[in-house]
Each structure stands twice: as C-alpha cells, then as structure tokens.
Amino acid sequence: MAYRDPEQLTCPSCAKRAELVWLVGEGPNTKPGEGVAYVQILDPGPWLEQTTNTAPAWHGTLTCPACGATVLTRP
C-alpha cells in the first residue's frame, strides 16, 4: 500500500513556498512498527530535483528555481 505525504517547503533565501508530494510505501511484508518500505518524490512541484539515490529512500537535493538556494537535502 502506498500513500501521498504532502510537505510544504519554504526557500530559506527568497521565501518562495510550494508543496512537495512524497510517495510513501508499505510493502506486503511490512510488520506493524517497522519503517516504511520506500519513500520517493511523487511531485517535486516547482523545486529543481537532483537525485543521488532512489531506492529504498530518495536521496538528493531540491533547489529553488527562483534563486538557486538549497531547499531540502536528504539524507
């Protein structure tokens, strides 16, 4: 089963705000209390995405299209 997890992000430099939508999945063998099976970006919104890894969890950087500042970095 997968579900959407929206998150509001704000650029620390220019204060641009927009939503990022995560896709969070729980596998058929995921037991109660265990972490999720995967986390991916479903819709980055206006943010520019640079991905370094996608499985099982998204790793990378999102930057602001208006000013180029880093908005989110994972891990």
PDB file of N, CA and C in Angstrom:
ATOM      1  N   MET A   1       0.840  -1.161   0.000  1.00  0.00           N
ATOM      2  CA  MET A   1       0.000   0.000   0.000  1.00  0.00           C
ATOM      3  C   MET A   1       0.894   1.235   0.000  1.00  0.00           C
ATOM      4  N   ALA A   2       0.489   2.231  -0.735  1.00  0.00           N
ATOM      5  CA  ALA A   2       1.231   3.488  -0.792  1.00  0.00           C
ATOM      6  C   ALA A   2       0.285   4.644  -0.511  1.00  0.00           C
ATOM      7  N   TYR A   3       0.846   5.711   0.027  1.00  0.00           N
ATOM      8  CA  TYR A   3       0.042   6.899   0.273  1.00  0.00           C
ATOM      9  C   TYR A   3       0.873   8.141  -0.014  1.00  0.00           C
ATOM     10  N   ARG A   4       0.180   9.240  -0.266  1.00  0.00           N
ATOM     11  CA  ARG A   4       0.826  10.523  -0.522  1.00  0.00           C
ATOM     12  C   ARG A   4       1.040  11.254   0.799  1.00  0.00           C
ATOM     13  N   ASP A   5       2.178  11.910   0.902  1.00  0.00           N
ATOM     14  CA  ASP A   5       2.501  12.674   2.100  1.00  0.00           C
ATOM     15  C   ASP A   5       2.983  14.060   1.673  1.00  0.00           C
ATOM     16  N   PRO A   6       2.065  15.029   1.562  1.00  0.00           N
ATOM     17  CA  PRO A   6       2.473  16.368   1.135  1.00  0.00           C
ATOM     18  C   PRO A   6       3.263  17.099   2.219  1.00  0.00           C
ATOM     19  N   GLU A   7       4.199  17.920   1.769  1.00  0.00           N
ATOM     20  CA  GLU A   7       5.037  18.694   2.686  1.00  0.00           C
ATOM     21  C   GLU A   7       5.223  20.091   2.093  1.00  0.00           C
ATOM     22  N   GLN A   8       4.981  21.114   2.894  1.00  0.00           N
ATOM     23  CA  GLN A   8       5.209  22.487   2.463  1.00  0.00           C
ATOM     24  C   GLN A   8       6.675  22.838   2.691  1.00  0.00           C
ATOM     25  N   LEU A   9       7.325  23.328   1.642  1.00  0.00           N
ATOM     26  CA  LEU A   9       8.712  23.751   1.756  1.00  0.00           C
ATOM     27  C   LEU A   9       8.795  25.250   1.521  1.00  0.00           C
ATOM     28  N   THR A  10       9.720  25.895   2.207  1.00  0.00           N
ATOM     29  CA  THR A  10       9.955  27.326   2.047  1.00  0.00           C
ATOM     30  C   THR A  10      11.433  27.535   1.768  1.00  0.00           C
ATOM     31  N   CYS A  11      11.725  28.290   0.737  1.00  0.00           N
ATOM     32  CA  CYS A  11      13.112  28.600   0.405  1.00  0.00           C
ATOM     33  C   CYS A  11      13.686  29.495   1.498  1.00  0.00           C
ATOM     34  N   PRO A  12      14.846  29.135   2.049  1.00  0.00           N
ATOM     35  CA  PRO A  12      15.445  29.940   3.113  1.00  0.00           C
ATOM     36  C   PRO A  12      16.001  31.277   2.617  1.00  0.00           C
ATOM     37  N   SER A  13      16.165  31.415   1.313  1.00  0.00           N
ATOM     38  CA  SER A  13      16.752  32.627   0.764  1.00  0.00           C
ATOM     39  C   SER A  13      15.700  33.640   0.301  1.00  0.00           C
ATOM     40  N   CYS A  14      14.739  33.181  -0.518  1.00  0.00           N
ATOM     41  CA  CYS A  14      13.764  34.121  -1.100  1.00  0.00           C
ATOM     42  C   CYS A  14      12.345  33.941  -0.558  1.00  0.00           C
ATOM     43  N   ALA A  15      12.149  32.968   0.328  1.00  0.00           N
ATOM     44  CA  ALA A  15      10.856  32.700   0.981  1.00  0.00           C
ATOM     45  C   ALA A  15       9.778  32.165   0.044  1.00  0.00           C
ATOM     46  N   LYS A  16      10.159  31.677  -1.116  1.00  0.00           N
ATOM     47  CA  LYS A  16       9.182  31.034  -2.000  1.00  0.00           C
ATOM     48  C   LYS A  16       8.650  29.798  -1.291  1.00  0.00           C
ATOM     49  N   ARG A  17       7.314  29.594  -1.334  1.00  0.00           N
ATOM     50  CA  ARG A  17       6.686  28.440  -0.693  1.00  0.00           C
ATOM     51  C   ARG A  17       5.987  27.610  -1.747  1.00  0.00           C
ATOM     52  N   ALA A  18       6.121  26.286  -1.624  1.00  0.00           N
ATOM     53  CA  ALA A  18       5.422  25.379  -2.532  1.00  0.00           C
ATOM     54  C   ALA A  18       5.383  23.995  -1.907  1.00  0.00           C
ATOM     55  N   GLU A  19       4.480  23.197  -2.407  1.00  0.00           N
ATOM     56  CA  GLU A  19       4.289  21.858  -1.866  1.00  0.00           C
ATOM     57  C   GLU A  19       5.133  20.833  -2.620  1.00  0.00           C
ATOM     58  N   LEU A  20       5.650  19.905  -1.879  1.00  0.00           N
ATOM     59  CA  LEU A  20       6.359  18.738  -2.387  1.00  0.00           C
ATOM     60  C   LEU A  20       5.517  17.543  -1.965  1.00  0.00           C
ATOM     61  N   VAL A  21       5.299  16.574  -2.860  1.00  0.00           N
ATOM     62  CA  VAL A  21       4.489  15.410  -2.508  1.00  0.00           C
ATOM     63  C   VAL A  21       5.368  14.164  -2.519  1.00  0.00           C
ATOM     64  N   TRP A  22       5.459  13.526  -1.349  1.00  0.00           N
ATOM     65  CA  TRP A  22       6.187  12.272  -1.198  1.00  0.00           C
ATOM     66  C   TRP A  22       5.249  11.107  -1.459  1.00  0.00           C
ATOM     67  N   LEU A  23       5.767  10.035  -1.997  1.00  0.00           N
ATOM     68  CA  LEU A  23       5.042   8.777  -2.127  1.00  0.00           C
ATOM     69  C   LEU A  23       5.684   7.812  -1.143  1.00  0.00           C
ATOM     70  N   VAL A  24       4.909   7.390  -0.166  1.00  0.00           N
ATOM     71  CA  VAL A  24       5.408   6.531   0.904  1.00  0.00           C
ATOM     72  C   VAL A  24       4.746   5.169   0.762  1.00  0.00           C
ATOM     73  N   GLY A  25       5.548   4.124   0.714  1.00  0.00           N
ATOM     74  CA  GLY A  25       5.007   2.789   0.517  1.00  0.00           C
ATOM     75  C   GLY A  25       5.317   1.841   1.640  1.00  0.00           C
ATOM     76  N   GLU A  26       4.332   1.044   1.947  1.00  0.00           N
ATOM     77  CA  GLU A  26       4.496  -0.032   2.915  1.00  0.00           C
ATOM     78  C   GLU A  26       4.330  -1.334   2.145  1.00  0.00           C
ATOM     79  N   GLY A  27       5.339  -2.168   2.193  1.00  0.00           N
ATOM     80  CA  GLY A  27       5.306  -3.419   1.443  1.00  0.00           C
ATOM     81  C   GLY A  27       4.382  -4.447   2.068  1.00  0.00           C
ATOM     82  N   PRO A  28       4.075  -5.482   1.328  1.00  0.00           N
ATOM     83  CA  PRO A  28       3.179  -6.512   1.850  1.00  0.00           C
ATOM     84  C   PRO A  28       3.766  -7.257   3.046  1.00  0.00           C
ATOM     85  N   ASN A  29       5.088  -7.214   3.199  1.00  0.00           N
ATOM     86  CA  ASN A  29       5.730  -7.905   4.320  1.00  0.00           C
ATOM     87  C   ASN A  29       6.121  -6.962   5.452  1.00  0.00           C
ATOM     88  N   THR A  30       5.664  -5.697   5.376  1.00  0.00           N
ATOM     89  CA  THR A  30       5.972  -4.729   6.419  1.00  0.00           C
ATOM     90  C   THR A  30       5.141  -5.043   7.658  1.00  0.00           C
ATOM     91  N   LYS A  31       5.826  -5.244   8.760  1.00  0.00           N
ATOM     92  CA  LYS A  31       5.141  -5.566  10.010  1.00  0.00           C
ATOM     93  C   LYS A  31       4.809  -4.280  10.772  1.00  0.00           C
ATOM     94  N   PRO A  32       3.780  -4.302  11.598  1.00  0.00           N
ATOM     95  CA  PRO A  32       3.453  -3.129  12.399  1.00  0.00           C
ATOM     96  C   PRO A  32       4.652  -2.675  13.225  1.00  0.00           C
ATOM     97  N   GLY A  33       4.906  -1.388  13.215  1.00  0.00           N
ATOM     98  CA  GLY A  33       6.029  -0.834  13.953  1.00  0.00           C
ATOM     99  C   GLY A  33       7.308  -0.722  13.139  1.00  0.00           C
ATOM    100  N   GLU A  34       7.385  -1.399  12.001  1.00  0.00           N
ATOM    101  CA  GLU A  34       8.547  -1.292  11.118  1.00  0.00           C
ATOM    102  C   GLU A  34       8.448   0.000  10.325  1.00  0.00           C
ATOM    103  N   GLY A  35       9.569   0.428   9.823  1.00  0.00           N
ATOM    104  CA  GLY A  35       9.588   1.607   8.973  1.00  0.00           C
ATOM    105  C   GLY A  35       8.933   1.320   7.636  1.00  0.00           C
ATOM    106  N   VAL A  36       8.837   2.327   6.826  1.00  0.00           N
ATOM    107  CA  VAL A  36       8.222   2.174   5.515  1.00  0.00           C
ATOM    108  C   VAL A  36       9.159   1.427   4.575  1.00  0.00           C
ATOM    109  N   ALA A  37       8.584   0.846   3.515  1.00  0.00           N
ATOM    110  CA  ALA A  37       9.370   0.086   2.552  1.00  0.00           C
ATOM    111  C   ALA A  37      10.133   1.007   1.600  1.00  0.00           C
ATOM    112  N   TYR A  38       9.519   2.144   1.233  1.00  0.00           N
ATOM    113  CA  TYR A  38      10.190   3.097   0.357  1.00  0.00           C
ATOM    114  C   TYR A  38       9.582   4.486   0.514  1.00  0.00           C
ATOM    115  N   VAL A  39      10.383   5.496   0.150  1.00  0.00           N
ATOM    116  CA  VAL A  39       9.944   6.892   0.129  1.00  0.00           C
ATOM    117  C   VAL A  39      10.519   7.505  -1.139  1.00  0.00           C
ATOM    118  N   GLN A  40       9.637   8.004  -2.003  1.00  0.00           N
ATOM    119  CA  GLN A  40      10.040   8.610  -3.265  1.00  0.00           C
ATOM    120  C   GLN A  40       9.345   9.956  -3.418  1.00  0.00           C
ATOM    121  N   ILE A  41       9.832  10.782  -4.309  1.00  0.00           N
ATOM    122  CA  ILE A  41       9.135  12.028  -4.626  1.00  0.00           C
ATOM    123  C   ILE A  41       8.136  11.719  -5.734  1.00  0.00           C
ATOM    124  N   LEU A  42       6.876  11.998  -5.468  1.00  0.00           N
ATOM    125  CA  LEU A  42       5.830  11.824  -6.474  1.00  0.00           C
ATOM    126  C   LEU A  42       5.741  13.078  -7.335  1.00  0.00           C
ATOM    127  N   ASP A  43       5.759  14.252  -6.694  1.00  0.00           N
ATOM    128  CA  ASP A  43       5.660  15.515  -7.410  1.00  0.00           C
ATOM    129  C   ASP A  43       6.549  16.547  -6.713  1.00  0.00           C
ATOM    130  N   PRO A  44       7.659  16.947  -7.358  1.00  0.00           N
ATOM    131  CA  PRO A  44       8.549  17.907  -6.714  1.00  0.00           C
ATOM    132  C   PRO A  44       8.010  19.335  -6.739  1.00  0.00           C
ATOM    133  N   GLY A  45       6.878  19.551  -7.402  1.00  0.00           N
ATOM    134  CA  GLY A  45       6.357  20.905  -7.520  1.00  0.00           C
ATOM    135  C   GLY A  45       7.313  21.734  -8.359  1.00  0.00           C
ATOM    136  N   PRO A  46       7.533  22.989  -8.001  1.00  0.00           N
ATOM    137  CA  PRO A  46       8.435  23.833  -8.799  1.00  0.00           C
ATOM    138  C   PRO A  46       9.908  23.616  -8.474  1.00  0.00           C
ATOM    139  N   TRP A  47      10.202  22.871  -7.421  1.00  0.00           N
ATOM    140  CA  TRP A  47      11.585  22.700  -6.985  1.00  0.00           C
ATOM    141  C   TRP A  47      12.382  21.887  -7.994  1.00  0.00           C
ATOM    142  N   LEU A  48      13.638  22.245  -8.182  1.00  0.00           N
ATOM    143  CA  LEU A  48      14.531  21.541  -9.106  1.00  0.00           C
ATOM    144  C   LEU A  48      15.174  20.385  -8.356  1.00  0.00           C
ATOM    145  N   GLU A  49      15.022  19.190  -8.913  1.00  0.00           N
ATOM    146  CA  GLU A  49      15.435  17.966  -8.223  1.00  0.00           C
ATOM    147  C   GLU A  49      16.748  17.422  -8.782  1.00  0.00           C
ATOM    148  N   GLN A  50      17.680  17.127  -7.894  1.00  0.00           N
ATOM    149  CA  GLN A  50      18.929  16.455  -8.232  1.00  0.00           C
ATOM    150  C   GLN A  50      18.999  15.206  -7.363  1.00  0.00           C
ATOM    151  N   THR A  51      18.790  14.057  -7.974  1.00  0.00           N
ATOM    152  CA  THR A  51      18.706  12.804  -7.235  1.00  0.00           C
ATOM    153  C   THR A  51      20.042  12.084  -7.234  1.00  0.00           C
ATOM    154  N   THR A  52      20.438  11.558  -6.058  1.00  0.00           N
ATOM    155  CA  THR A  52      21.650  10.751  -5.972  1.00  0.00           C
ATOM    156  C   THR A  52      21.331   9.276  -5.735  1.00  0.00           C
ATOM    157  N   ASN A  53      20.123   8.998  -5.204  1.00  0.00           N
ATOM    158  CA  ASN A  53      19.706   7.619  -4.960  1.00  0.00           C
ATOM    159  C   ASN A  53      18.183   7.608  -4.852  1.00  0.00           C
ATOM    160  N   THR A  54      17.556   6.524  -5.303  1.00  0.00           N
ATOM    161  CA  THR A  54      16.102   6.471  -5.240  1.00  0.00           C
ATOM    162  C   THR A  54      15.558   5.263  -4.491  1.00  0.00           C
ATOM    163  N   ALA A  55      16.380   4.290  -4.177  1.00  0.00           N
ATOM    164  CA  ALA A  55      15.846   3.083  -3.546  1.00  0.00           C
ATOM    165  C   ALA A  55      16.642   2.741  -2.301  1.00  0.00           C
ATOM    166  N   PRO A  56      16.029   2.416  -1.212  1.00  0.00           N
ATOM    167  CA  PRO A  56      14.590   2.430  -0.969  1.00  0.00           C
ATOM    168  C   PRO A  56      14.068   3.820  -0.621  1.00  0.00           C
ATOM    169  N   ALA A  57      14.952   4.738  -0.276  1.00  0.00           N
ATOM    170  CA  ALA A  57      14.522   6.094   0.055  1.00  0.00           C
ATOM    171  C   ALA A  57      15.204   7.096  -0.868  1.00  0.00           C
ATOM    172  N   TRP A  58      14.486   8.168  -1.148  1.00  0.00           N
ATOM    173  CA  TRP A  58      15.022   9.214  -2.010  1.00  0.00           C
ATOM    174  C   TRP A  58      16.156   9.938  -1.298  1.00  0.00           C
ATOM    175  N   HIS A  59      17.262  10.134  -2.005  1.00  0.00           N
ATOM    176  CA  HIS A  59      18.392  10.930  -1.533  1.00  0.00           C
ATOM    177  C   HIS A  59      18.701  11.939  -2.618  1.00  0.00           C
ATOM    178  N   GLY A  60      18.945  13.144  -2.238  1.00  0.00           N
ATOM    179  CA  GLY A  60      19.282  14.168  -3.212  1.00  0.00           C
ATOM    180  C   GLY A  60      19.087  15.558  -2.655  1.00  0.00           C
ATOM    181  N   THR A  61      18.954  16.507  -3.571  1.00  0.00           N
ATOM    182  CA  THR A  61      18.814  17.908  -3.212  1.00  0.00           C
ATOM    183  C   THR A  61      17.721  18.545  -4.039  1.00  0.00           C
ATOM    184  N   LEU A  62      16.935  19.393  -3.396  1.00  0.00           N
ATOM    185  CA  LEU A  62      15.953  20.217  -4.091  1.00  0.00           C
ATOM    186  C   LEU A  62      16.429  21.656  -3.992  1.00  0.00           C
ATOM    187  N   THR A  63      16.406  22.358  -5.121  1.00  0.00           N
ATOM    188  CA  THR A  63      16.818  23.755  -5.128  1.00  0.00           C
ATOM    189  C   THR A  63      15.673  24.636  -5.616  1.00  0.00           C
ATOM    190  N   CYS A  64      15.735  25.882  -5.254  1.00  0.00           N
ATOM    191  CA  CYS A  64      14.716  26.859  -5.616  1.00  0.00           C
ATOM    192  C   CYS A  64      14.952  27.324  -7.055  1.00  0.00           C
ATOM    193  N   PRO A  65      13.905  27.300  -7.889  1.00  0.00           N
ATOM    194  CA  PRO A  65      14.077  27.752  -9.265  1.00  0.00           C
ATOM    195  C   PRO A  65      14.238  29.270  -9.363  1.00  0.00           C
ATOM    196  N   ALA A  66      13.809  29.998  -8.343  1.00  0.00           N
ATOM    197  CA  ALA A  66      13.872  31.456  -8.386  1.00  0.00           C
ATOM    198  C   ALA A  66      15.258  32.000  -8.037  1.00  0.00           C
ATOM    199  N   CYS A  67      15.899  31.414  -6.996  1.00  0.00           N
ATOM    200  CA  CYS A  67      17.171  31.976  -6.547  1.00  0.00           C
ATOM    201  C   CYS A  67      18.322  30.970  -6.505  1.00  0.00           C
ATOM    202  N   GLY A  68      18.023  29.666  -6.662  1.00  0.00           N
ATOM    203  CA  GLY A  68      19.068  28.650  -6.686  1.00  0.00           C
ATOM    204  C   GLY A  68      19.513  28.153  -5.321  1.00  0.00           C
ATOM    205  N   ALA A  69      18.857  28.593  -4.262  1.00  0.00           N
ATOM    206  CA  ALA A  69      19.225  28.150  -2.909  1.00  0.00           C
ATOM    207  C   ALA A  69      18.764  26.721  -2.668  1.00  0.00           C
ATOM    208  N   THR A  70      19.452  26.003  -1.816  1.00  0.00           N
ATOM    209  CA  THR A  70      19.078  24.649  -1.446  1.00  0.00           C
ATOM    210  C   THR A  70      17.897  24.714  -0.491  1.00  0.00           C
ATOM    211  N   VAL A  71      16.831  23.982  -0.848  1.00  0.00           N
ATOM    212  CA  VAL A  71      15.607  23.963  -0.044  1.00  0.00           C
ATOM    213  C   VAL A  71      15.541  22.713   0.815  1.00  0.00           C
ATOM    214  N   LEU A  72      16.031  21.582   0.287  1.00  0.00           N
ATOM    215  CA  LEU A  72      15.987  20.319   1.024  1.00  0.00           C
ATOM    216  C   LEU A  72      17.141  19.440   0.571  1.00  0.00           C
ATOM    217  N   THR A  73      17.782  18.793   1.525  1.00  0.00           N
ATOM    218  CA  THR A  73      18.838  17.825   1.226  1.00  0.00           C
ATOM    219  C   THR A  73      18.576  16.595   2.077  1.00  0.00           C
ATOM    220  N   ARG A  74      18.595  15.437   1.428  1.00  0.00           N
ATOM    221  CA  ARG A  74      18.471  14.155   2.142  1.00  0.00           C
ATOM    222  C   ARG A  74      19.499  13.212   1.603  1.00  0.00           C
ATOM    223  N   PRO A  75      20.154  12.413   2.359  1.00  0.00           N
ATOM    224  CA  PRO A  75      19.954  12.138   3.768  1.00  0.00           C
ATOM    225  C   PRO A  75      20.515  13.222   4.617  1.00  0.00           C
TER     226      PRO A  75
END
